[in-house]
Amino acid sequence: MNPCLPPTVSGRYLSFSEREDIAIWNAQKIGVREIARRLKRSPSTISRELFRNASTREYPPVYKASTAQWHAERRARRPKVAKLVTNPELRRYVQERLSGQVKSPKGRAVGPRGSEWKGRNKPHRADRRWLVVDFPDDESMRISHETIYQALYIQGRGALKRELVACLRTGRALRVPKARSRQTAWGHVTPEVLISERPAEADDRAVPGHWEGDLIIGLERSAIGTLVERTTRFTMLIHLPREEGYHHKHTPKHGPALAGYGAVTMKEALAAQMSTLPEQFRRSLTWDRGKELSQHAAFKVETGIPVYFADPHSPWQRGTNENTNGLLRQYFPKGTDLSRWNAEEISAVATMLNSRPRKTLGWKTPAEAFNEHLMSRR
């Protein structure tokens, strides 16, 4: 292990001679972008260098080549002790949050019990919690997602238990890319219901009442419907129990849809859920191209809510719902039977998600933002 950076390093790192040039040009009040052009570096590299490696013993901070080189050498020392190893309180907090239980508003643990993790990839996982920051005044209680991943995946980091891999949303035992499957556009998507026909007011999120929806699919064709309001990020979950007579792999191929999210069943469940909303919160619904909403015309007649469909292979057009589904996978992991969750337990999960402060809402919860819009229109 070499604790020092040599005078000439690979192109990935700034050399000492480059730091000398930066110090001279910065003292001459030359801008960051001009320095970057002269050194053929990214402006962000120069900006980050001036911010991170300036002398902290003077005010305002002064950038010196020798001091900056010392900071760079100090950071380059390997191996480093993991933050979760040196901070027992932070380690305990992360482990509890990863492996915690879902609780109802009354504090009662809900949800089915998952199976034990056996060290293989994509296990049938137990219920999980999301990480939140509960220590606003304690700077030592800060950690990035990458630090948690390394503590789980890299052998020898020695901070978190390996079985906590099962508590990640994806549940992967290895960090490998996963190809996205391609979907087929169905005939029920006609030109008049494309997302390009959606009212412009839905795009800027200024007017509440525009929703995005999708299904979370589980083991043996189980599913839960998700609805997210674009302005407030308020989430509603739709219970889709299997219908009587359903038997996995034994249901007649061309018989009625009994899995719980057939077109008619989905239309009725969605209409029942959205009919509970005030009229000003029922402006539109954007869905992906799944055939479960092929009865969208009948749904519009019953509820008065127009339905629009995203373009093929364009999940960013429903980004709010895609992000929310990622959060929900913490509670409803892939590879698990979602029919084990009853309506009360699903409602508890929605309540927990709506009680989570969001940065995009100014650290308000979706429930608070939704209630503010509701009260302002009375």
Foldseek 3Di string as FASTA:
>chain_A
DDLADDQDDDPVDDHLVLLQVLLVVVVVVDDLVVSCVVVVHDSVVSVCLCVPQFDPVDPPTHRDSVSSRVVVSNVPDDDDQQLLVVDVVLLVLVVCQLPDFQAFPVGHGDDDAFDADDLAFPGRAGFGHDDDDPCPPDPSNDDDPVSVVCCQQPPPSPRDDVSSCSSALASGSHDDDDDDDFDDFDPLADPCQAPVNDDPVQVVLPAKQEKEKEWDAAPLRAIKIWIAIPNLRQIDIFHFAFAPPDDRPPPDPPDDDRSRQAQVNVLVRVLVVVQVDPPSNQAEYEYERDCSPSVQVVSCVSRVHHYHYYDTPCCVVVVSVVVVVSNCSSGVPHHYRPNSDDPSRSVRVSVVQQCAQDVVVVRHGSVVVVVVVVVVVD
